[in-house]
């Protein structure tokens, strides 16, 4: 049987869809990050958690989860793996044992210097200079905010 085209006017061509472009680009960015993070010996989600800790050490697992937009059930194993790598230490809070603070170890702090090359490496892989990278980040944040507002207009 010969292939046929239902979308004769081209309204739903895959390559023209914003959602597919974002999805496809995201997959490639994640792949590039994987290569750049090999020297650090961490995965992309682990790198994101380290970014949080380099920004503010000693924060709660729940705060990391909220910032990374993941649930606590995902954040806890992520922190456990970072701890096994010797990059962080998890400490239960005295006041509430259910709460766990995460602190960078000396190795975790030292990995910051290696990580400094990651954003520039990704920018090079993407063909973006720092100014265009900032503009792209701002546009992605705007898109996210708009979709968030669209999904739940009563939250605004």
C-alpha atoms as a PDB file:
ATOM      1  CA  UNK A   1       0.000   0.000   0.000  1.00  0.00           C
ATOM      2  CA  UNK A   2       1.343   3.406  -0.962  1.00  0.00           C
ATOM      3  CA  UNK A   3       1.763   6.063   1.789  1.00  0.00           C
ATOM      4  CA  UNK A   4      -0.818   8.846   1.670  1.00  0.00           C
ATOM      5  CA  UNK A   5      -0.977  12.326   3.165  1.00  0.00           C
ATOM      6  CA  UNK A   6      -3.928  13.366   5.278  1.00  0.00           C
ATOM      7  CA  UNK A   7      -2.434  16.780   6.054  1.00  0.00           C
ATOM      8  CA  UNK A   8      -2.454  18.054   2.478  1.00  0.00           C
ATOM      9  CA  UNK A   9      -2.281  21.706   3.597  1.00  0.00           C
ATOM     10  CA  UNK A  10       0.718  21.094   5.842  1.00  0.00           C
ATOM     11  CA  UNK A  11      -0.871  22.403   9.046  1.00  0.00           C
ATOM     12  CA  UNK A  12       0.544  19.639  11.236  1.00  0.00           C
ATOM     13  CA  UNK A  13       3.997  18.992   9.848  1.00  0.00           C
ATOM     14  CA  UNK A  14       6.255  17.631  12.551  1.00  0.00           C
ATOM     15  CA  UNK A  15       9.210  19.882  11.758  1.00  0.00           C
ATOM     16  CA  UNK A  16       6.994  22.988  11.986  1.00  0.00           C
ATOM     17  CA  UNK A  17       5.743  22.263  15.520  1.00  0.00           C
ATOM     18  CA  UNK A  18       7.106  24.392  18.369  1.00  0.00           C
ATOM     19  CA  UNK A  19       6.608  21.525  20.804  1.00  0.00           C
ATOM     20  CA  UNK A  20       8.696  19.139  18.701  1.00  0.00           C
ATOM     21  CA  UNK A  21      11.426  21.724  18.186  1.00  0.00           C
ATOM     22  CA  UNK A  22      11.656  22.280  21.949  1.00  0.00           C
ATOM     23  CA  UNK A  23      11.593  18.540  22.627  1.00  0.00           C
ATOM     24  CA  UNK A  24      14.221  17.756  20.016  1.00  0.00           C
ATOM     25  CA  UNK A  25      16.491  20.634  21.050  1.00  0.00           C
ATOM     26  CA  UNK A  26      16.149  19.645  24.714  1.00  0.00           C
ATOM     27  CA  UNK A  27      17.268  16.105  23.925  1.00  0.00           C
ATOM     28  CA  UNK A  28      20.329  17.396  22.062  1.00  0.00           C
ATOM     29  CA  UNK A  29      21.204  19.858  24.833  1.00  0.00           C
ATOM     30  CA  UNK A  30      20.954  17.060  27.393  1.00  0.00           C
ATOM     31  CA  UNK A  31      23.206  14.881  25.222  1.00  0.00           C
ATOM     32  CA  UNK A  32      25.774  17.690  24.921  1.00  0.00           C
ATOM     33  CA  UNK A  33      25.595  18.253  28.680  1.00  0.00           C
ATOM     34  CA  UNK A  34      26.307  14.566  29.183  1.00  0.00           C
ATOM     35  CA  UNK A  35      29.570  14.916  27.284  1.00  0.00           C
ATOM     36  CA  UNK A  36      30.527  18.100  29.113  1.00  0.00           C
ATOM     37  CA  UNK A  37      29.759  16.568  32.509  1.00  0.00           C
ATOM     38  CA  UNK A  38      31.910  13.466  31.999  1.00  0.00           C
ATOM     39  CA  UNK A  39      34.910  15.238  33.536  1.00  0.00           C
ATOM     40  CA  UNK A  40      32.847  16.037  36.633  1.00  0.00           C
ATOM     41  CA  UNK A  41      31.595  12.461  36.799  1.00  0.00           C
ATOM     42  CA  UNK A  42      27.977  13.485  37.354  1.00  0.00           C
ATOM     43  CA  UNK A  43      24.722  13.184  35.468  1.00  0.00           C
ATOM     44  CA  UNK A  44      22.701  16.180  34.317  1.00  0.00           C
ATOM     45  CA  UNK A  45      20.216  15.968  37.247  1.00  0.00           C
ATOM     46  CA  UNK A  46      23.147  15.688  39.679  1.00  0.00           C
ATOM     47  CA  UNK A  47      24.740  18.740  38.050  1.00  0.00           C
ATOM     48  CA  UNK A  48      21.515  20.701  38.529  1.00  0.00           C
ATOM     49  CA  UNK A  49      21.508  19.814  42.237  1.00  0.00           C
ATOM     50  CA  UNK A  50      25.150  20.869  42.510  1.00  0.00           C
ATOM     51  CA  UNK A  51      24.285  24.185  40.859  1.00  0.00           C
ATOM     52  CA  UNK A  52      21.773  24.750  43.654  1.00  0.00           C
ATOM     53  CA  UNK A  53      24.329  23.886  46.333  1.00  0.00           C
ATOM     54  CA  UNK A  54      27.083  26.040  44.822  1.00  0.00           C
ATOM     55  CA  UNK A  55      24.566  28.885  44.946  1.00  0.00           C
ATOM     56  CA  UNK A  56      23.529  28.166  48.554  1.00  0.00           C
ATOM     57  CA  UNK A  57      25.130  25.380  50.564  1.00  0.00           C
ATOM     58  CA  UNK A  58      23.235  23.639  53.350  1.00  0.00           C
ATOM     59  CA  UNK A  59      19.742  23.780  51.892  1.00  0.00           C
ATOM     60  CA  UNK A  60      16.954  21.310  52.473  1.00  0.00           C
ATOM     61  CA  UNK A  61      16.304  18.409  50.110  1.00  0.00           C
ATOM     62  CA  UNK A  62      12.762  19.766  49.770  1.00  0.00           C
ATOM     63  CA  UNK A  63      14.133  23.135  48.628  1.00  0.00           C
ATOM     64  CA  UNK A  64      16.305  21.435  46.019  1.00  0.00           C
ATOM     65  CA  UNK A  65      13.303  19.408  44.849  1.00  0.00           C
ATOM     66  CA  UNK A  66      11.142  22.528  44.546  1.00  0.00           C
ATOM     67  CA  UNK A  67      13.795  24.462  42.625  1.00  0.00           C
ATOM     68  CA  UNK A  68      14.405  21.556  40.241  1.00  0.00           C
ATOM     69  CA  UNK A  69      10.655  20.972  39.907  1.00  0.00           C
ATOM     70  CA  UNK A  70      10.891  17.335  41.002  1.00  0.00           C
ATOM     71  CA  UNK A  71       9.188  15.512  43.857  1.00  0.00           C
ATOM     72  CA  UNK A  72      10.933  14.573  47.097  1.00  0.00           C
ATOM     73  CA  UNK A  73      10.805  10.904  46.091  1.00  0.00           C
ATOM     74  CA  UNK A  74      13.068  11.754  43.155  1.00  0.00           C
ATOM     75  CA  UNK A  75      15.268  14.246  45.014  1.00  0.00           C
ATOM     76  CA  UNK A  76      16.182  11.900  47.870  1.00  0.00           C
ATOM     77  CA  UNK A  77      17.814   9.209  45.682  1.00  0.00           C
ATOM     78  CA  UNK A  78      19.517  11.978  43.714  1.00  0.00           C
ATOM     79  CA  UNK A  79      21.091  13.294  46.920  1.00  0.00           C
ATOM     80  CA  UNK A  80      22.006   9.761  47.990  1.00  0.00           C
ATOM     81  CA  UNK A  81      23.899   9.221  44.730  1.00  0.00           C
ATOM     82  CA  UNK A  82      25.741  12.528  45.153  1.00  0.00           C
ATOM     83  CA  UNK A  83      26.629  11.450  48.672  1.00  0.00           C
ATOM     84  CA  UNK A  84      28.009   8.124  47.392  1.00  0.00           C
ATOM     85  CA  UNK A  85      30.156  10.108  44.951  1.00  0.00           C
ATOM     86  CA  UNK A  86      31.552  12.002  47.944  1.00  0.00           C
ATOM     87  CA  UNK A  87      30.247  15.360  46.710  1.00  0.00           C
ATOM     88  CA  UNK A  88      27.674  16.055  49.426  1.00  0.00           C
ATOM     89  CA  UNK A  89      26.779  15.136  52.960  1.00  0.00           C
ATOM     90  CA  UNK A  90      23.187  14.793  54.116  1.00  0.00           C
ATOM     91  CA  UNK A  91      22.369  15.830  57.683  1.00  0.00           C
ATOM     92  CA  UNK A  92      19.008  15.324  59.397  1.00  0.00           C
ATOM     93  CA  UNK A  93      17.657  18.405  61.163  1.00  0.00           C
ATOM     94  CA  UNK A  94      17.616  18.161  64.970  1.00  0.00           C
ATOM     95  CA  UNK A  95      14.205  19.838  65.248  1.00  0.00           C
ATOM     96  CA  UNK A  96      12.536  17.613  62.640  1.00  0.00           C
ATOM     97  CA  UNK A  97      14.213  14.365  61.584  1.00  0.00           C
ATOM     98  CA  UNK A  98      12.097  14.243  58.419  1.00  0.00           C
ATOM     99  CA  UNK A  99      13.941  17.285  57.100  1.00  0.00           C
ATOM    100  CA  UNK A 100      17.388  16.771  55.609  1.00  0.00           C
ATOM    101  CA  UNK A 101      19.937  19.456  54.810  1.00  0.00           C
ATOM    102  CA  UNK A 102      22.524  18.891  52.119  1.00  0.00           C
ATOM    103  CA  UNK A 103      26.057  20.249  52.415  1.00  0.00           C
ATOM    104  CA  UNK A 104      28.857  20.208  49.892  1.00  0.00           C
ATOM    105  CA  UNK A 105      31.929  18.233  50.917  1.00  0.00           C
ATOM    106  CA  UNK A 106      35.434  19.495  50.153  1.00  0.00           C
ATOM    107  CA  UNK A 107      35.283  17.450  46.937  1.00  0.00           C
ATOM    108  CA  UNK A 108      31.891  18.968  46.071  1.00  0.00           C
ATOM    109  CA  UNK A 109      33.258  22.469  46.600  1.00  0.00           C
ATOM    110  CA  UNK A 110      36.371  21.670  44.554  1.00  0.00           C
ATOM    111  CA  UNK A 111      34.232  20.395  41.659  1.00  0.00           C
ATOM    112  CA  UNK A 112      32.935  23.951  41.226  1.00  0.00           C
ATOM    113  CA  UNK A 113      36.145  24.931  39.427  1.00  0.00           C
ATOM    114  CA  UNK A 114      35.738  22.072  36.925  1.00  0.00           C
ATOM    115  CA  UNK A 115      32.108  23.022  36.367  1.00  0.00           C
ATOM    116  CA  UNK A 116      32.959  26.592  35.376  1.00  0.00           C
ATOM    117  CA  UNK A 117      33.711  25.419  31.826  1.00  0.00           C
ATOM    118  CA  UNK A 118      30.326  23.709  31.371  1.00  0.00           C
ATOM    119  CA  UNK A 119      28.176  26.758  30.465  1.00  0.00           C
ATOM    120  CA  UNK A 120      30.744  28.038  27.957  1.00  0.00           C
ATOM    121  CA  UNK A 121      31.126  24.561  26.493  1.00  0.00           C
ATOM    122  CA  UNK A 122      27.389  24.275  26.057  1.00  0.00           C
ATOM    123  CA  UNK A 123      27.221  27.750  24.558  1.00  0.00           C
ATOM    124  CA  UNK A 124      29.896  26.731  22.073  1.00  0.00           C
ATOM    125  CA  UNK A 125      28.034  23.502  21.254  1.00  0.00           C
ATOM    126  CA  UNK A 126      24.855  25.516  20.674  1.00  0.00           C
ATOM    127  CA  UNK A 127      26.576  28.307  18.766  1.00  0.00           C
ATOM    128  CA  UNK A 128      25.505  30.902  21.355  1.00  0.00           C
ATOM    129  CA  UNK A 129      27.542  33.749  22.759  1.00  0.00           C
ATOM    130  CA  UNK A 130      26.782  34.768  26.376  1.00  0.00           C
ATOM    131  CA  UNK A 131      24.399  37.560  25.314  1.00  0.00           C
ATOM    132  CA  UNK A 132      22.332  35.280  23.082  1.00  0.00           C
ATOM    133  CA  UNK A 133      22.369  32.584  25.773  1.00  0.00           C
ATOM    134  CA  UNK A 134      20.912  35.069  28.300  1.00  0.00           C
ATOM    135  CA  UNK A 135      18.263  36.090  25.778  1.00  0.00           C
ATOM    136  CA  UNK A 136      17.338  32.454  25.129  1.00  0.00           C
ATOM    137  CA  UNK A 137      17.069  31.783  28.875  1.00  0.00           C
ATOM    138  CA  UNK A 138      14.793  34.811  29.251  1.00  0.00           C
ATOM    139  CA  UNK A 139      12.604  33.636  26.361  1.00  0.00           C
ATOM    140  CA  UNK A 140      12.327  30.121  27.826  1.00  0.00           C
ATOM    141  CA  UNK A 141      11.384  31.584  31.217  1.00  0.00           C
ATOM    142  CA  UNK A 142       8.733  33.726  29.534  1.00  0.00           C
ATOM    143  CA  UNK A 143       7.320  30.701  27.711  1.00  0.00           C
ATOM    144  CA  UNK A 144       7.237  28.709  30.949  1.00  0.00           C
ATOM    145  CA  UNK A 145       5.504  31.540  32.816  1.00  0.00           C
ATOM    146  CA  UNK A 146       2.948  31.953  30.048  1.00  0.00           C
ATOM    147  CA  UNK A 147       2.135  28.239  29.949  1.00  0.00           C
ATOM    148  CA  UNK A 148       1.930  28.129  33.746  1.00  0.00           C
ATOM    149  CA  UNK A 149      -0.549  31.006  33.632  1.00  0.00           C
ATOM    150  CA  UNK A 150      -2.505  29.314  30.831  1.00  0.00           C
ATOM    151  CA  UNK A 151      -2.688  26.000  32.705  1.00  0.00           C
ATOM    152  CA  UNK A 152      -3.906  27.601  35.914  1.00  0.00           C
ATOM    153  CA  UNK A 153      -5.231  31.140  35.336  1.00  0.00           C
ATOM    154  CA  UNK A 154      -6.539  31.354  38.935  1.00  0.00           C
ATOM    155  CA  UNK A 155      -2.952  31.207  40.269  1.00  0.00           C
ATOM    156  CA  UNK A 156      -2.103  34.614  38.789  1.00  0.00           C
END
